[in-house]
Protein backbone atom coordinates (compact mmCIF):
# COMPACT_ATOMS: atom_id res chain seq x y z
CA UNK A 1 62.78 137.16 98.32
CA UNK A 2 66.26 136.22 97.24
CA UNK A 3 68.19 133.28 98.69
CA UNK A 4 71.68 132.00 98.17
CA UNK A 5 72.16 128.34 97.31
CA UNK A 6 72.93 127.56 100.96
CA UNK A 7 69.68 129.02 102.29
CA UNK A 8 67.33 128.19 99.45
CA UNK A 9 64.19 126.71 101.08
CA UNK A 10 63.60 124.26 98.23
CA UNK A 11 67.18 122.99 98.50
CA UNK A 12 66.75 122.55 102.25
CA UNK A 13 63.53 120.56 101.76
CA UNK A 14 65.26 118.36 99.17
CA UNK A 15 68.23 117.78 101.50
CA UNK A 16 65.96 116.91 104.44
CA UNK A 17 63.96 114.48 102.31
CA UNK A 18 67.15 112.83 101.07
CA UNK A 19 68.38 112.37 104.65
CA UNK A 20 64.99 110.96 105.68
CA UNK A 21 65.07 108.41 102.87
CA UNK A 22 68.61 107.35 103.78
CA UNK A 23 67.54 106.83 107.40
CA UNK A 24 64.08 105.33 106.87
CA UNK A 25 65.06 102.89 104.12
CA UNK A 26 68.08 101.64 106.07
CA UNK A 27 70.77 102.63 103.57
CA UNK A 28 73.27 103.53 106.30
CA UNK A 29 72.81 100.21 108.12
CA UNK A 30 73.09 98.33 104.82
CA UNK A 31 76.31 100.18 103.93
CA UNK A 32 77.71 99.28 107.36
CA UNK A 33 76.82 95.62 106.87
CA UNK A 34 78.34 95.52 103.37
CA UNK A 35 81.39 97.37 104.66
CA UNK A 36 82.00 94.68 107.27
CA UNK A 37 81.84 92.04 104.54
CA UNK A 38 84.18 93.98 102.23
CA UNK A 39 86.61 94.56 105.11
CA UNK A 40 86.73 90.90 106.05
CA UNK A 41 87.26 89.84 102.43
CA UNK A 42 90.04 92.38 101.92
CA UNK A 43 91.71 91.28 105.17
CA UNK A 44 91.52 87.70 103.91
CA UNK A 45 93.09 88.78 100.63
CA UNK A 46 95.89 90.51 102.54
CA UNK A 47 96.61 87.31 104.45
CA UNK A 48 96.56 85.26 101.27
CA UNK A 49 98.88 87.63 99.35
CA UNK A 50 101.14 89.25 101.96
CA UNK A 51 103.84 89.89 99.34
CA UNK A 52 101.45 92.10 97.31
CA UNK A 53 99.34 93.87 99.90
CA UNK A 54 100.92 95.74 102.81
CA UNK A 55 97.84 97.21 104.47
CA UNK A 56 94.06 97.30 104.19
CA UNK A 57 92.11 100.02 105.95
CA UNK A 58 88.71 101.59 105.71
CA UNK A 59 85.26 102.00 107.08
CA UNK A 60 81.80 101.42 105.64
CA UNK A 61 82.16 101.24 101.88
CA UNK A 62 85.29 103.42 101.72
CA UNK A 63 88.40 101.21 101.63
CA UNK A 64 92.04 101.60 100.73
CA UNK A 65 94.60 98.95 99.88
CA UNK A 66 98.27 99.76 100.23
CA UNK A 67 100.21 97.70 97.71
CA UNK A 68 103.83 96.69 98.09
CA UNK A 69 105.85 99.49 96.44
CA UNK A 70 107.93 97.21 94.24
CA UNK A 71 104.85 95.36 93.03
CA UNK A 72 102.89 98.57 92.42
CA UNK A 73 105.82 100.26 90.68
CA UNK A 74 106.15 97.31 88.32
CA UNK A 75 102.48 97.41 87.33
CA UNK A 76 102.16 101.17 87.01
CA UNK A 77 105.59 101.62 85.48
CA UNK A 78 104.67 99.28 82.64
CA UNK A 79 101.35 101.07 82.11
CA UNK A 80 103.02 104.48 82.05
CA UNK A 81 105.56 103.29 79.52
CA UNK A 82 102.80 101.71 77.42
CA UNK A 83 100.81 104.94 77.30
CA UNK A 84 103.80 107.23 76.89
CA UNK A 85 103.75 108.74 80.37
CA UNK A 86 107.26 107.72 81.33
CA UNK A 87 108.63 111.23 80.98
CA UNK A 88 105.66 113.05 82.54
CA UNK A 89 106.50 115.20 85.56
């Protein structure tokens, strides 16, 4: 028998076992709990530094921080100049 990667029985067994471990060991619940903590800390940081951070958004352990454009341009502009990327397009 020949199987593609998508229908390979061994791959399917490995995927099912991985999902079982994630569920049974509570990794998803733990990520949710940590995500709430990270979100509250980032929101606190946004309140403390409103001139640097415009927005914080995310879910679980996937978060994004939108920096003030003038602040971010200053930091990254200096780095680009330092590493010779000022003329890169």
